[in-house]
Structure formats: structure tokens, C-alpha cells
């Protein structure tokens, strides 16, 4: 039996240029600062029903600032 995995997203603040595509694609997963730069909402855990949106947001980031990691579910 394989363990259940959870996705967590991370935004590299040094790479993010504030294009805000991620927020448009997955508004529940990102928050923007006053300059439009993104960071992960909450603790960055991606609910299972938003997995595809998280991947789409990562794929649409022109600066490659979004990283997704897989973690064992506690």
C-alpha cells in the first residue's frame, strides 16, 4: 500500500516579478503583497481538489518562481 502524499507550494520571492498569473489561475492558493508579488496562502498546503490548479499556476509562471513539493500526509 502506498502512502498518501500532499503537495505544498513555495514561491521564491527573489524570482517573483508580480505578474500575478498564479493568483488569477488559483486565487485560493496565493496571496499578493502591495506590489503584486505572490506568496503561498497559509502554510502552502494544496488541497487535493486544487492540485491541477497548482500545477497550472506553476506552469504559467514566466519567472519559474513557483515550486511544488510532495510530502507524506501525516
PDB file of N, CA and C in Angstrom:
ATOM      1  N   UNK A   1       0.844  -1.177   0.000  1.00  0.00           N
ATOM      2  CA  UNK A   1       0.000   0.000   0.000  1.00  0.00           C
ATOM      3  C   UNK A   1       0.890   1.240   0.000  1.00  0.00           C
ATOM      4  N   UNK A   2       0.649   2.168  -0.925  1.00  0.00           N
ATOM      5  CA  UNK A   2       1.470   3.365  -0.996  1.00  0.00           C
ATOM      6  C   UNK A   2       0.940   4.438  -0.052  1.00  0.00           C
ATOM      7  N   UNK A   3       1.847   5.235   0.473  1.00  0.00           N
ATOM      8  CA  UNK A   3       1.467   6.310   1.384  1.00  0.00           C
ATOM      9  C   UNK A   3       0.826   7.453   0.609  1.00  0.00           C
ATOM     10  N   UNK A   4      -0.094   8.123   1.247  1.00  0.00           N
ATOM     11  CA  UNK A   4      -0.730   9.279   0.632  1.00  0.00           C
ATOM     12  C   UNK A   4       0.241  10.454   0.688  1.00  0.00           C
ATOM     13  N   UNK A   5       0.286  11.218  -0.390  1.00  0.00           N
ATOM     14  CA  UNK A   5       1.195  12.362  -0.479  1.00  0.00           C
ATOM     15  C   UNK A   5       0.383  13.656  -0.557  1.00  0.00           C
ATOM     16  N   UNK A   6       0.947  14.704  -0.049  1.00  0.00           N
ATOM     17  CA  UNK A   6       0.338  16.026  -0.076  1.00  0.00           C
ATOM     18  C   UNK A   6       1.277  16.974  -0.804  1.00  0.00           C
ATOM     19  N   UNK A   7       0.710  17.867  -1.602  1.00  0.00           N
ATOM     20  CA  UNK A   7       1.522  18.883  -2.272  1.00  0.00           C
ATOM     21  C   UNK A   7       1.606  20.143  -1.419  1.00  0.00           C
ATOM     22  N   UNK A   8       2.772  20.756  -1.450  1.00  0.00           N
ATOM     23  CA  UNK A   8       2.974  22.051  -0.809  1.00  0.00           C
ATOM     24  C   UNK A   8       3.614  22.956  -1.849  1.00  0.00           C
ATOM     25  N   UNK A   9       3.118  24.179  -1.929  1.00  0.00           N
ATOM     26  CA  UNK A   9       3.716  25.105  -2.892  1.00  0.00           C
ATOM     27  C   UNK A   9       4.564  26.141  -2.194  1.00  0.00           C
ATOM     28  N   UNK A  10       5.574  26.574  -2.914  1.00  0.00           N
ATOM     29  CA  UNK A  10       6.523  27.563  -2.429  1.00  0.00           C
ATOM     30  C   UNK A  10       6.719  28.595  -3.540  1.00  0.00           C
ATOM     31  N   UNK A  11       6.809  29.861  -3.174  1.00  0.00           N
ATOM     32  CA  UNK A  11       7.095  30.915  -4.139  1.00  0.00           C
ATOM     33  C   UNK A  11       8.429  31.535  -3.753  1.00  0.00           C
ATOM     34  N   UNK A  12       9.355  31.562  -4.698  1.00  0.00           N
ATOM     35  CA  UNK A  12      10.666  32.162  -4.464  1.00  0.00           C
ATOM     36  C   UNK A  12      10.522  33.677  -4.589  1.00  0.00           C
ATOM     37  N   UNK A  13      10.650  34.413  -3.477  1.00  0.00           N
ATOM     38  CA  UNK A  13      10.450  35.866  -3.527  1.00  0.00           C
ATOM     39  C   UNK A  13      11.507  36.591  -4.364  1.00  0.00           C
ATOM     40  N   UNK A  14      12.664  35.956  -4.563  1.00  0.00           N
ATOM     41  CA  UNK A  14      13.701  36.579  -5.379  1.00  0.00           C
ATOM     42  C   UNK A  14      13.411  36.465  -6.873  1.00  0.00           C
ATOM     43  N   UNK A  15      12.587  35.486  -7.253  1.00  0.00           N
ATOM     44  CA  UNK A  15      12.247  35.295  -8.663  1.00  0.00           C
ATOM     45  C   UNK A  15      10.928  35.951  -9.050  1.00  0.00           C
ATOM     46  N   UNK A  16       9.972  36.017  -8.125  1.00  0.00           N
ATOM     47  CA  UNK A  16       8.643  36.547  -8.438  1.00  0.00           C
ATOM     48  C   UNK A  16       8.748  38.012  -8.858  1.00  0.00           C
ATOM     49  N   UNK A  17       8.137  38.320 -10.006  1.00  0.00           N
ATOM     50  CA  UNK A  17       8.156  39.684 -10.539  1.00  0.00           C
ATOM     51  C   UNK A  17       6.777  40.335 -10.522  1.00  0.00           C
ATOM     52  N   UNK A  18       5.800  39.678  -9.913  1.00  0.00           N
ATOM     53  CA  UNK A  18       4.485  40.281  -9.747  1.00  0.00           C
ATOM     54  C   UNK A  18       3.590  40.216 -10.961  1.00  0.00           C
ATOM     55  N   UNK A  19       3.761  39.219 -11.809  1.00  0.00           N
ATOM     56  CA  UNK A  19       2.868  39.085 -12.969  1.00  0.00           C
ATOM     57  C   UNK A  19       1.458  38.687 -12.538  1.00  0.00           C
ATOM     58  N   UNK A  20       1.335  38.037 -11.405  1.00  0.00           N
ATOM     59  CA  UNK A  20       0.057  37.647 -10.780  1.00  0.00           C
ATOM     60  C   UNK A  20      -0.739  36.611 -11.562  1.00  0.00           C
ATOM     61  N   UNK A  21      -0.119  35.921 -12.482  1.00  0.00           N
ATOM     62  CA  UNK A  21      -0.826  34.861 -13.218  1.00  0.00           C
ATOM     63  C   UNK A  21      -1.279  33.765 -12.266  1.00  0.00           C
ATOM     64  N   UNK A  22      -0.452  33.450 -11.290  1.00  0.00           N
ATOM     65  CA  UNK A  22      -0.780  32.390 -10.333  1.00  0.00           C
ATOM     66  C   UNK A  22      -2.058  32.718  -9.568  1.00  0.00           C
ATOM     67  N   UNK A  23      -2.183  33.952  -9.139  1.00  0.00           N
ATOM     68  CA  UNK A  23      -3.364  34.385  -8.381  1.00  0.00           C
ATOM     69  C   UNK A  23      -4.610  34.330  -9.252  1.00  0.00           C
ATOM     70  N   UNK A  24      -4.462  34.641 -10.529  1.00  0.00           N
ATOM     71  CA  UNK A  24      -5.594  34.570 -11.455  1.00  0.00           C
ATOM     72  C   UNK A  24      -6.025  33.125 -11.663  1.00  0.00           C
ATOM     73  N   UNK A  25      -5.071  32.230 -11.780  1.00  0.00           N
ATOM     74  CA  UNK A  25      -5.366  30.817 -12.042  1.00  0.00           C
ATOM     75  C   UNK A  25      -5.864  30.102 -10.787  1.00  0.00           C
ATOM     76  N   UNK A  26      -5.239  30.369  -9.654  1.00  0.00           N
ATOM     77  CA  UNK A  26      -5.565  29.656  -8.410  1.00  0.00           C
ATOM     78  C   UNK A  26      -5.656  30.653  -7.252  1.00  0.00           C
ATOM     79  N   UNK A  27      -6.711  31.462  -7.213  1.00  0.00           N
ATOM     80  CA  UNK A  27      -6.796  32.520  -6.204  1.00  0.00           C
ATOM     81  C   UNK A  27      -6.785  32.033  -4.755  1.00  0.00           C
ATOM     82  N   UNK A  28      -7.209  30.803  -4.514  1.00  0.00           N
ATOM     83  CA  UNK A  28      -7.226  30.284  -3.149  1.00  0.00           C
ATOM     84  C   UNK A  28      -5.850  29.839  -2.661  1.00  0.00           C
ATOM     85  N   UNK A  29      -4.899  29.731  -3.567  1.00  0.00           N
ATOM     86  CA  UNK A  29      -3.578  29.217  -3.198  1.00  0.00           C
ATOM     87  C   UNK A  29      -2.517  30.291  -3.016  1.00  0.00           C
ATOM     88  N   UNK A  30      -2.817  31.529  -3.429  1.00  0.00           N
ATOM     89  CA  UNK A  30      -1.812  32.591  -3.397  1.00  0.00           C
ATOM     90  C   UNK A  30      -2.373  33.869  -2.783  1.00  0.00           C
ATOM     91  N   UNK A  31      -1.497  34.633  -2.159  1.00  0.00           N
ATOM     92  CA  UNK A  31      -1.803  35.984  -1.705  1.00  0.00           C
ATOM     93  C   UNK A  31      -0.769  36.903  -2.334  1.00  0.00           C
ATOM     94  N   UNK A  32      -1.168  38.138  -2.570  1.00  0.00           N
ATOM     95  CA  UNK A  32      -0.278  39.121  -3.192  1.00  0.00           C
ATOM     96  C   UNK A  32       0.053  40.216  -2.197  1.00  0.00           C
ATOM     97  N   UNK A  33       1.278  40.713  -2.265  1.00  0.00           N
ATOM     98  CA  UNK A  33       1.641  41.853  -1.428  1.00  0.00           C
ATOM     99  C   UNK A  33       1.255  43.145  -2.147  1.00  0.00           C
ATOM    100  N   UNK A  34       1.620  44.273  -1.597  1.00  0.00           N
ATOM    101  CA  UNK A  34       1.246  45.575  -2.162  1.00  0.00           C
ATOM    102  C   UNK A  34       1.824  45.809  -3.554  1.00  0.00           C
ATOM    103  N   UNK A  35       2.858  45.065  -3.916  1.00  0.00           N
ATOM    104  CA  UNK A  35       3.496  45.222  -5.216  1.00  0.00           C
ATOM    105  C   UNK A  35       3.034  44.160  -6.220  1.00  0.00           C
ATOM    106  N   UNK A  36       2.138  43.271  -5.787  1.00  0.00           N
ATOM    107  CA  UNK A  36       1.642  42.209  -6.661  1.00  0.00           C
ATOM    108  C   UNK A  36       2.478  40.946  -6.635  1.00  0.00           C
ATOM    109  N   UNK A  37       3.488  40.907  -5.782  1.00  0.00           N
ATOM    110  CA  UNK A  37       4.311  39.704  -5.669  1.00  0.00           C
ATOM    111  C   UNK A  37       3.572  38.654  -4.860  1.00  0.00           C
ATOM    112  N   UNK A  38       3.664  37.421  -5.312  1.00  0.00           N
ATOM    113  CA  UNK A  38       2.908  36.336  -4.703  1.00  0.00           C
ATOM    114  C   UNK A  38       3.674  35.620  -3.603  1.00  0.00           C
ATOM    115  N   UNK A  39       2.902  35.017  -2.730  1.00  0.00           N
ATOM    116  CA  UNK A  39       3.416  34.051  -1.771  1.00  0.00           C
ATOM    117  C   UNK A  39       2.320  33.031  -1.543  1.00  0.00           C
ATOM    118  N   UNK A  40       2.696  31.896  -1.014  1.00  0.00           N
ATOM    119  CA  UNK A  40       1.720  30.837  -0.762  1.00  0.00           C
ATOM    120  C   UNK A  40       0.736  31.291   0.304  1.00  0.00           C
ATOM    121  N   UNK A  41      -0.526  30.984   0.086  1.00  0.00           N
ATOM    122  CA  UNK A  41      -1.541  31.270   1.092  1.00  0.00           C
ATOM    123  C   UNK A  41      -1.393  30.285   2.238  1.00  0.00           C
ATOM    124  N   UNK A  42      -1.537  30.762   3.449  1.00  0.00           N
ATOM    125  CA  UNK A  42      -1.451  29.894   4.620  1.00  0.00           C
ATOM    126  C   UNK A  42      -0.109  29.207   4.717  1.00  0.00           C
ATOM    127  N   UNK A  43      -0.157  27.903   4.935  1.00  0.00           N
ATOM    128  CA  UNK A  43       1.077  27.130   5.083  1.00  0.00           C
ATOM    129  C   UNK A  43       1.552  26.521   3.776  1.00  0.00           C
ATOM    130  N   UNK A  44       0.854  26.835   2.674  1.00  0.00           N
ATOM    131  CA  UNK A  44       1.270  26.353   1.365  1.00  0.00           C
ATOM    132  C   UNK A  44       0.743  24.990   0.987  1.00  0.00           C
ATOM    133  N   UNK A  45       0.019  24.331   1.895  1.00  0.00           N
ATOM    134  CA  UNK A  45      -0.537  23.021   1.554  1.00  0.00           C
ATOM    135  C   UNK A  45      -1.611  23.173   0.489  1.00  0.00           C
ATOM    136  N   UNK A  46      -1.566  22.301  -0.491  1.00  0.00           N
ATOM    137  CA  UNK A  46      -2.508  22.336  -1.609  1.00  0.00           C
ATOM    138  C   UNK A  46      -3.599  21.300  -1.354  1.00  0.00           C
ATOM    139  N   UNK A  47      -4.859  21.739  -1.207  1.00  0.00           N
ATOM    140  CA  UNK A  47      -5.944  20.770  -1.055  1.00  0.00           C
ATOM    141  C   UNK A  47      -6.024  19.883  -2.295  1.00  0.00           C
ATOM    142  N   UNK A  48      -6.389  18.613  -2.124  1.00  0.00           N
ATOM    143  CA  UNK A  48      -6.431  17.690  -3.260  1.00  0.00           C
ATOM    144  C   UNK A  48      -7.254  18.202  -4.446  1.00  0.00           C
ATOM    145  N   UNK A  49      -8.325  18.922  -4.185  1.00  0.00           N
ATOM    146  CA  UNK A  49      -9.162  19.405  -5.285  1.00  0.00           C
ATOM    147  C   UNK A  49      -8.536  20.586  -6.034  1.00  0.00           C
ATOM    148  N   UNK A  50      -7.436  21.132  -5.526  1.00  0.00           N
ATOM    149  CA  UNK A  50      -6.764  22.252  -6.197  1.00  0.00           C
ATOM    150  C   UNK A  50      -5.401  21.858  -6.779  1.00  0.00           C
ATOM    151  N   UNK A  51      -5.109  20.566  -6.798  1.00  0.00           N
ATOM    152  CA  UNK A  51      -3.825  20.084  -7.308  1.00  0.00           C
ATOM    153  C   UNK A  51      -3.585  20.515  -8.747  1.00  0.00           C
ATOM    154  N   UNK A  52      -4.560  20.337  -9.597  1.00  0.00           N
ATOM    155  CA  UNK A  52      -4.383  20.701 -11.012  1.00  0.00           C
ATOM    156  C   UNK A  52      -4.193  22.201 -11.174  1.00  0.00           C
ATOM    157  N   UNK A  53      -4.911  23.004 -10.394  1.00  0.00           N
ATOM    158  CA  UNK A  53      -4.735  24.463 -10.473  1.00  0.00           C
ATOM    159  C   UNK A  53      -3.342  24.868  -9.999  1.00  0.00           C
ATOM    160  N   UNK A  54      -2.826  24.195  -8.980  1.00  0.00           N
ATOM    161  CA  UNK A  54      -1.472  24.487  -8.505  1.00  0.00           C
ATOM    162  C   UNK A  54      -0.450  24.190  -9.596  1.00  0.00           C
ATOM    163  N   UNK A  55      -0.622  23.070 -10.268  1.00  0.00           N
ATOM    164  CA  UNK A  55       0.302  22.716 -11.357  1.00  0.00           C
ATOM    165  C   UNK A  55       0.181  23.680 -12.527  1.00  0.00           C
ATOM    166  N   UNK A  56      -1.029  24.098 -12.829  1.00  0.00           N
ATOM    167  CA  UNK A  56      -1.244  25.059 -13.915  1.00  0.00           C
ATOM    168  C   UNK A  56      -0.621  26.416 -13.568  1.00  0.00           C
ATOM    169  N   UNK A  57      -0.764  26.835 -12.323  1.00  0.00           N
ATOM    170  CA  UNK A  57      -0.148  28.096 -11.886  1.00  0.00           C
ATOM    171  C   UNK A  57       1.371  28.025 -12.020  1.00  0.00           C
ATOM    172  N   UNK A  58       1.950  26.904 -11.590  1.00  0.00           N
ATOM    173  CA  UNK A  58       3.409  26.725 -11.722  1.00  0.00           C
ATOM    174  C   UNK A  58       3.832  26.785 -13.189  1.00  0.00           C
ATOM    175  N   UNK A  59       3.088  26.114 -14.046  1.00  0.00           N
ATOM    176  CA  UNK A  59       3.426  26.073 -15.469  1.00  0.00           C
ATOM    177  C   UNK A  59       3.299  27.433 -16.142  1.00  0.00           C
ATOM    178  N   UNK A  60       2.463  28.313 -15.601  1.00  0.00           N
ATOM    179  CA  UNK A  60       2.230  29.617 -16.212  1.00  0.00           C
ATOM    180  C   UNK A  60       3.061  30.742 -15.620  1.00  0.00           C
ATOM    181  N   UNK A  61       3.918  30.430 -14.665  1.00  0.00           N
ATOM    182  CA  UNK A  61       4.766  31.466 -14.070  1.00  0.00           C
ATOM    183  C   UNK A  61       5.937  31.753 -15.006  1.00  0.00           C
ATOM    184  N   UNK A  62       5.997  32.971 -15.571  1.00  0.00           N
ATOM    185  CA  UNK A  62       7.073  33.271 -16.519  1.00  0.00           C
ATOM    186  C   UNK A  62       8.453  33.341 -15.871  1.00  0.00           C
ATOM    187  N   UNK A  63       8.502  33.484 -14.568  1.00  0.00           N
ATOM    188  CA  UNK A  63       9.784  33.585 -13.863  1.00  0.00           C
ATOM    189  C   UNK A  63      10.198  32.272 -13.201  1.00  0.00           C
ATOM    190  N   UNK A  64       9.369  31.222 -13.342  1.00  0.00           N
ATOM    191  CA  UNK A  64       9.640  29.921 -12.700  1.00  0.00           C
ATOM    192  C   UNK A  64       9.857  30.080 -11.195  1.00  0.00           C
ATOM    193  N   UNK A  65       9.023  30.922 -10.582  1.00  0.00           N
ATOM    194  CA  UNK A  65       9.161  31.212  -9.156  1.00  0.00           C
ATOM    195  C   UNK A  65       8.389  30.238  -8.273  1.00  0.00           C
ATOM    196  N   UNK A  66       7.523  29.407  -8.863  1.00  0.00           N
ATOM    197  CA  UNK A  66       6.690  28.502  -8.075  1.00  0.00           C
ATOM    198  C   UNK A  66       7.270  27.096  -8.110  1.00  0.00           C
ATOM    199  N   UNK A  67       7.382  26.505  -6.938  1.00  0.00           N
ATOM    200  CA  UNK A  67       7.870  25.144  -6.800  1.00  0.00           C
ATOM    201  C   UNK A  67       6.836  24.347  -6.025  1.00  0.00           C
ATOM    202  N   UNK A  68       6.592  23.126  -6.453  1.00  0.00           N
ATOM    203  CA  UNK A  68       5.700  22.218  -5.742  1.00  0.00           C
ATOM    204  C   UNK A  68       6.521  21.068  -5.195  1.00  0.00           C
ATOM    205  N   UNK A  69       6.292  20.739  -3.926  1.00  0.00           N
ATOM    206  CA  UNK A  69       6.965  19.595  -3.330  1.00  0.00           C
ATOM    207  C   UNK A  69       5.909  18.608  -2.845  1.00  0.00           C
ATOM    208  N   UNK A  70       6.285  17.359  -2.835  1.00  0.00           N
ATOM    209  CA  UNK A  70       5.392  16.298  -2.385  1.00  0.00           C
ATOM    210  C   UNK A  70       5.860  15.832  -1.014  1.00  0.00           C
ATOM    211  N   UNK A  71       4.923  15.775  -0.078  1.00  0.00           N
ATOM    212  CA  UNK A  71       5.246  15.381   1.287  1.00  0.00           C
ATOM    213  C   UNK A  71       4.325  14.252   1.724  1.00  0.00           C
ATOM    214  N   UNK A  72       4.793  13.385   2.596  1.00  0.00           N
ATOM    215  CA  UNK A  72       3.900  12.353   3.131  1.00  0.00           C
ATOM    216  C   UNK A  72       2.790  13.015   3.936  1.00  0.00           C
ATOM    217  N   UNK A  73       1.585  12.524   3.785  1.00  0.00           N
ATOM    218  CA  UNK A  73       0.470  13.032   4.571  1.00  0.00           C
ATOM    219  C   UNK A  73       0.578  12.465   5.986  1.00  0.00           C
ATOM    220  N   UNK A  74       0.496  13.335   6.986  1.00  0.00           N
ATOM    221  CA  UNK A  74       0.623  12.846   8.377  1.00  0.00           C
ATOM    222  C   UNK A  74      -0.518  11.925   8.760  1.00  0.00           C
TER     223      UNK A  74
END
